[in-house]
Protein backbone atom coordinates (compact mmCIF):
# COMPACT_ATOMS: atom_id res chain seq x y z
CA MET A 1 83.98 99.96 87.56
CA THR A 2 86.63 102.50 88.32
CA VAL A 3 90.79 101.93 88.83
CA ALA A 4 91.41 100.74 92.72
CA VAL A 5 93.68 102.09 95.07
CA VAL A 6 95.67 100.54 97.41
CA THR A 7 98.38 101.40 99.71
CA ASP A 8 99.72 100.69 103.15
CA SER A 9 99.06 101.73 106.46
CA ALA A 10 102.35 104.13 107.10
CA ALA A 11 100.03 106.43 104.98
CA ALA A 12 98.28 106.81 108.04
CA LEU A 13 94.64 107.87 106.21
CA PRO A 14 92.08 109.23 108.17
CA GLN A 15 89.41 106.35 108.01
CA THR A 16 86.58 108.69 107.02
CA LEU A 17 88.98 109.20 103.35
CA GLN A 18 89.75 105.35 103.14
CA ASP A 19 85.37 105.07 103.45
CA GLU A 20 84.25 107.77 101.02
CA LEU A 21 87.17 107.12 98.27
CA ASP A 22 87.28 103.48 98.95
CA ILE A 23 91.11 102.78 99.61
CA GLY A 24 92.18 99.33 100.43
CA VAL A 25 94.90 99.33 103.09
CA VAL A 26 97.33 96.75 103.76
CA PRO A 27 98.76 96.74 107.24
CA ILE A 28 102.19 96.99 108.48
CA LEU A 29 103.42 94.49 111.22
CA LEU A 30 103.69 95.17 114.69
CA THR A 31 105.31 93.02 117.02
CA VAL A 32 105.62 94.23 120.85
CA ASP A 33 108.10 91.52 122.40
CA GLY A 34 107.53 89.04 119.70
CA ASN A 35 103.87 89.26 120.44
CA GLU A 36 101.55 90.50 117.14
CA VAL A 37 99.75 93.51 117.45
CA PRO A 38 97.07 94.68 114.93
CA GLU A 39 97.59 98.72 113.53
CA GLY A 40 95.75 101.14 115.46
CA ALA A 41 94.85 98.60 118.33
CA MET A 42 97.13 100.59 120.80
CA THR A 43 97.78 104.53 120.84
CA PRO A 44 101.44 105.52 120.38
CA GLN A 45 101.82 105.67 124.07
CA ALA A 46 101.21 102.47 124.83
CA LEU A 47 102.71 100.90 121.77
CA LEU A 48 105.77 101.84 123.24
CA ALA A 49 105.49 101.65 127.13
CA ALA A 50 104.41 97.89 126.39
CA GLY A 51 108.01 96.41 125.49
CA ARG A 52 110.34 95.85 122.52
CA LEU A 53 108.33 97.09 119.22
CA ARG A 54 109.09 96.03 116.29
CA THR A 55 107.77 96.41 112.17
CA ALA A 56 107.90 94.84 109.10
CA ALA A 57 106.23 95.17 105.50
CA PRO A 58 103.22 93.07 104.85
CA SER A 59 104.03 89.93 103.09
CA PRO A 60 103.78 89.60 99.79
CA GLY A 61 101.00 87.53 100.21
CA ALA A 62 98.90 90.55 101.95
CA PHE A 63 99.06 92.77 98.88
CA ALA A 64 98.04 89.91 96.33
CA ALA A 65 95.23 89.59 98.42
CA ALA A 66 94.45 93.19 98.68
CA VAL A 67 95.14 93.16 94.76
CA ARG A 68 92.63 90.71 93.89
CA ALA A 69 89.87 91.43 95.90
CA ARG A 70 90.10 94.85 94.03
CA GLN A 71 91.03 93.53 90.79
CA SER A 72 88.89 94.33 87.54
CA ASP A 73 89.55 94.85 83.96
CA ASP A 74 90.53 98.78 84.82
CA GLY A 75 93.45 97.35 87.45
CA VAL A 76 94.53 98.20 90.75
CA LEU A 77 97.30 100.72 91.68
CA ILE A 78 99.55 100.10 94.97
CA VAL A 79 101.09 103.25 96.45
CA THR A 80 103.85 102.49 99.14
CA LEU A 81 105.93 103.73 101.56
CA SER A 82 109.52 104.86 100.52
CA GLU A 83 111.41 101.82 99.35
CA ARG A 84 114.23 103.37 101.36
CA LEU A 85 112.42 103.01 104.56
CA SER A 86 110.95 100.19 103.92
CA SER A 87 110.90 96.40 102.11
CA CYS A 88 106.73 97.57 101.45
CA TYR A 89 107.68 98.30 97.35
CA ARG A 90 109.32 95.23 97.09
CA SER A 91 106.95 93.07 98.81
CA ALA A 92 104.14 94.91 96.77
CA VAL A 93 105.85 94.57 93.52
CA LEU A 94 105.87 90.25 94.56
CA GLY A 95 102.56 90.58 95.37
CA ALA A 96 101.21 92.19 92.54
CA GLY A 97 102.91 89.61 90.17
CA GLU A 98 101.41 87.10 92.56
CA ALA A 99 97.69 88.17 91.87
CA GLY A 100 98.17 88.66 88.34
CA GLY A 101 96.02 91.35 86.57
CA PRO A 102 96.64 95.01 85.44
CA THR A 103 98.31 96.52 88.35
CA ILE A 104 100.96 99.34 89.23
CA VAL A 105 103.20 99.63 92.21
CA VAL A 106 104.20 103.23 92.87
CA ASP A 107 106.97 104.43 95.36
CA THR A 108 106.11 107.36 96.52
CA ALA A 109 109.86 107.89 98.13
CA ASN A 110 107.96 109.18 101.07
CA ALA A 111 105.52 108.58 104.34
CA ALA A 112 102.62 109.65 106.35
CA GLY A 113 101.23 112.49 105.39
CA GLY A 114 103.51 112.79 102.19
CA GLN A 115 102.24 109.16 101.28
CA ALA A 116 99.24 109.88 102.14
CA LEU A 117 98.54 113.28 99.78
CA ALA A 118 99.99 110.90 96.74
CA VAL A 119 97.16 108.18 97.73
CA HIS A 120 94.47 110.27 97.93
CA ALA A 121 95.30 112.46 94.86
CA ALA A 122 95.44 109.01 93.24
CA ALA A 123 92.11 107.71 94.20
CA CYS A 124 90.37 111.31 93.08
CA ALA A 125 92.01 110.91 89.50
CA ALA A 126 90.60 107.16 89.62
CA ARG A 127 87.26 108.79 90.93
CA ARG A 128 87.43 111.17 87.82
CA GLY A 129 87.49 108.04 85.54
CA ALA A 130 91.57 108.32 84.97
CA SER A 131 93.16 105.20 83.38
CA LEU A 132 95.53 103.05 85.35
CA ALA A 133 98.50 104.48 83.79
CA GLU A 134 96.83 108.21 84.20
CA THR A 135 96.33 107.29 88.10
CA ALA A 136 99.80 106.13 88.58
CA GLU A 137 101.27 108.86 86.84
CA VAL A 138 98.91 111.38 89.20
CA ALA A 139 100.58 109.40 91.96
CA ARG A 140 103.96 109.41 90.68
CA ARG A 141 103.82 113.47 90.51
CA VAL A 142 102.38 114.29 93.57
CA ALA A 143 105.02 112.15 95.30
CA ALA A 144 107.74 114.22 93.38
CA ARG A 145 106.19 117.49 94.53
CA VAL A 146 105.14 116.68 98.18
CA ARG A 147 106.88 118.29 101.04
CA LEU A 148 106.65 116.60 104.47
CA ILE A 149 108.29 118.56 107.47
CA GLY A 150 108.41 117.43 111.21
CA VAL A 151 109.17 117.98 114.74
CA LEU A 152 110.22 115.40 117.35
CA GLY A 153 108.06 115.65 120.28
CA SER A 154 111.08 114.69 122.32
CA LEU A 155 114.48 112.97 122.31
CA ASP A 156 113.04 109.67 123.70
CA GLN A 157 113.50 107.31 120.96
CA LEU A 158 116.58 108.83 119.64
CA VAL A 159 117.69 107.15 123.44
CA ARG A 160 115.78 104.33 123.35
CA SER A 161 117.06 103.71 119.56
CA GLY A 162 120.79 104.26 120.48
CA ARG A 163 121.05 106.89 117.92
CA ILE A 164 122.46 109.86 120.39
CA PRO A 165 123.44 109.08 123.84
CA THR A 166 121.73 108.93 127.26
CA ALA A 167 123.41 111.90 128.77
CA ALA A 168 123.24 114.06 125.64
CA GLY A 169 119.35 113.12 125.07
CA ARG A 170 118.40 114.04 128.81
CA ALA A 171 120.24 117.29 128.58
CA GLY A 172 118.79 118.26 125.30
CA ASP A 173 115.48 117.67 126.78
CA ARG A 174 116.07 119.66 129.63
CA LEU A 175 116.86 122.77 127.14
CA GLY A 176 114.12 122.32 125.21
CA VAL A 177 115.60 121.18 122.02
CA ARG A 178 113.06 119.42 119.43
CA PRO A 179 114.84 118.23 116.01
CA LEU A 180 113.23 119.01 112.75
CA PHE A 181 113.55 116.47 109.99
CA ASP A 182 112.04 116.05 106.49
CA ILE A 183 111.32 113.20 104.48
CA HIS A 184 111.83 113.45 100.37
CA ASP A 185 113.34 111.37 97.90
CA GLY A 186 112.62 108.18 100.08
CA ARG A 187 115.04 109.75 102.85
CA ILE A 188 114.53 111.11 106.59
CA ARG A 189 116.85 114.51 106.70
CA ARG A 190 117.83 116.13 110.34
CA LEU A 191 117.31 119.96 109.53
CA LEU A 192 118.90 122.34 112.41
CA PRO A 193 116.81 121.63 115.94
CA ALA A 194 114.31 124.33 117.24
CA ARG A 195 114.67 125.14 120.67
CA SER A 196 110.84 124.76 121.41
CA THR A 197 107.83 122.80 120.03
CA ALA A 198 106.78 126.50 119.03
CA GLY A 199 110.00 127.73 117.31
CA ALA A 200 109.80 124.39 115.62
CA HIS A 201 106.16 125.08 113.94
CA ARG A 202 107.13 128.79 113.30
CA ARG A 203 110.04 126.90 110.98
CA ILE A 204 107.83 124.88 109.23
CA LEU A 205 104.79 127.50 108.31
CA ASP A 206 108.01 129.32 106.92
CA GLN A 207 109.24 126.61 104.78
CA TRP A 208 105.10 126.11 104.04
CA HIS A 209 105.55 130.30 103.08
CA GLN A 210 108.34 130.27 101.02
CA SER A 211 107.34 126.96 98.89
CA ARG A 212 104.51 129.04 97.74
CA PRO A 213 104.39 129.29 94.49
CA PRO A 214 103.39 133.02 92.68
CA GLU A 215 100.55 131.51 91.11
CA PHE A 216 98.65 128.55 92.02
CA ARG A 217 95.49 126.72 91.35
CA ALA A 218 94.98 124.42 94.28
CA LEU A 219 96.98 123.97 98.05
CA HIS A 220 96.61 120.25 99.27
CA VAL A 221 98.16 119.84 102.74
CA ALA A 222 97.83 117.05 105.71
CA ALA A 223 99.11 117.86 109.60
CA VAL A 224 100.63 114.89 111.07
CA HIS A 225 101.31 113.89 114.17
CA ALA A 226 102.10 110.96 116.81
CA GLY A 227 100.08 111.40 119.82
CA ALA A 228 99.65 115.26 119.32
CA PRO A 229 96.69 116.01 117.81
CA SER A 230 96.24 119.45 119.33
CA GLU A 231 99.96 120.43 118.25
CA ALA A 232 98.57 118.95 114.44
CA ARG A 233 95.11 121.53 114.49
CA ALA A 234 97.43 123.90 115.87
CA LEU A 235 99.55 123.50 112.46
CA LEU A 236 96.92 122.91 109.99
CA SER A 237 94.85 126.24 111.76
CA ALA A 238 97.73 128.42 110.70
CA VAL A 239 97.44 127.16 107.52
CA THR A 240 93.77 127.80 107.22
CA GLY A 241 93.97 131.09 108.16
CA GLU A 242 95.74 132.05 105.13
CA VAL A 243 94.58 129.53 102.34
CA GLN A 244 91.80 127.29 102.16
CA PRO A 245 93.16 124.19 100.63
CA SER A 246 91.18 121.64 98.80
CA THR A 247 92.68 119.06 100.73
CA CYS A 248 92.67 118.88 104.42
CA PHE A 249 93.21 116.42 106.99
CA THR A 250 94.89 115.72 110.01
CA SER A 251 96.75 112.37 109.86
CA GLY A 252 97.72 110.03 113.18
CA PHE A 253 101.30 108.35 112.72
CA GLY A 254 101.06 104.73 112.94
CA GLY A 255 103.05 102.14 114.44
CA ALA A 256 105.40 101.63 111.63
CA LEU A 257 106.54 105.20 112.08
CA VAL A 258 105.99 105.77 115.58
CA ALA A 259 108.90 102.98 116.11
CA THR A 260 111.22 105.19 114.38
CA THR A 261 109.90 108.69 115.86
CA GLY A 262 108.76 108.20 119.20
CA VAL A 263 105.21 110.16 120.30
CA GLY A 264 104.52 113.72 120.36
CA VAL A 265 105.43 114.66 116.97
CA SER A 266 103.85 117.15 114.77
CA GLY A 267 104.05 118.37 111.06
CA LEU A 268 102.82 119.22 107.87
CA ALA A 269 102.79 117.67 104.53
CA TRP A 270 101.41 119.60 101.48
CA TRP A 271 102.01 120.40 97.60
CA TRP A 272 100.60 122.77 95.55
CA GLU A 273 98.90 122.85 92.62
CA THR A 274 99.69 124.92 90.02
CA PRO A 275 98.20 126.00 86.56
CA GLU A 276 100.33 124.62 84.24
CA GLN A 277 100.22 121.15 85.83
CA PRO A 278 97.46 118.76 84.32
CA ARG A 279 94.47 117.49 86.69
């Protein structure tokens, strides 16, 4: 047996990685006009068009069931969406206590591709035979190093949520304004907007270039998107044209993040593995 790894669906891990590394995923709850919708049952566009979208963290009972299903003498690691963005972490802690057995819960202080890369690194460590404590430390270390920068496809969701006035949103869209954001230390922070998606991608790639250390052992990268797979593939192609990553995948946003960002989002999450870091 090895340490089992569980996460929530905000990580938006590709199904192939879930299956390959036997990662358990507890779905975040979605409702449209009060009716529950399974995660992944609708495209991002359909979710936003269907009605009033609401999200909720999985219940402690859902996390407890996932832990019980995978518990062994080696233990279970739960890796969650940022506590500052959701109550997933608190729910997971309660669920772990309810299930019993050796369990550690790690808050990644990130989401989507940033969270996914921490989950992936932990699952790989578990596969290599790391202990529960060692696997948790890998998740914490990667979560602290990972960067996620993205660009909104439009201002529609910011208008819909009331975060900017309707007139300002329409004017911004006419001018091609594309807000950039990063997720770090558990917070979504606004960056200076670009005047086009292409311009935003250039700035994201500039940040990736600037973060490159003088020496590195490996690059781990995820291209993220919400209903914009071609934009994500273009970003990933630009990266792989310069460096061949050890970890490389495309990740579509789950409904929980679509409710915040809207559709058309694209971005990159990455971290550099350097020689001085323990594997």
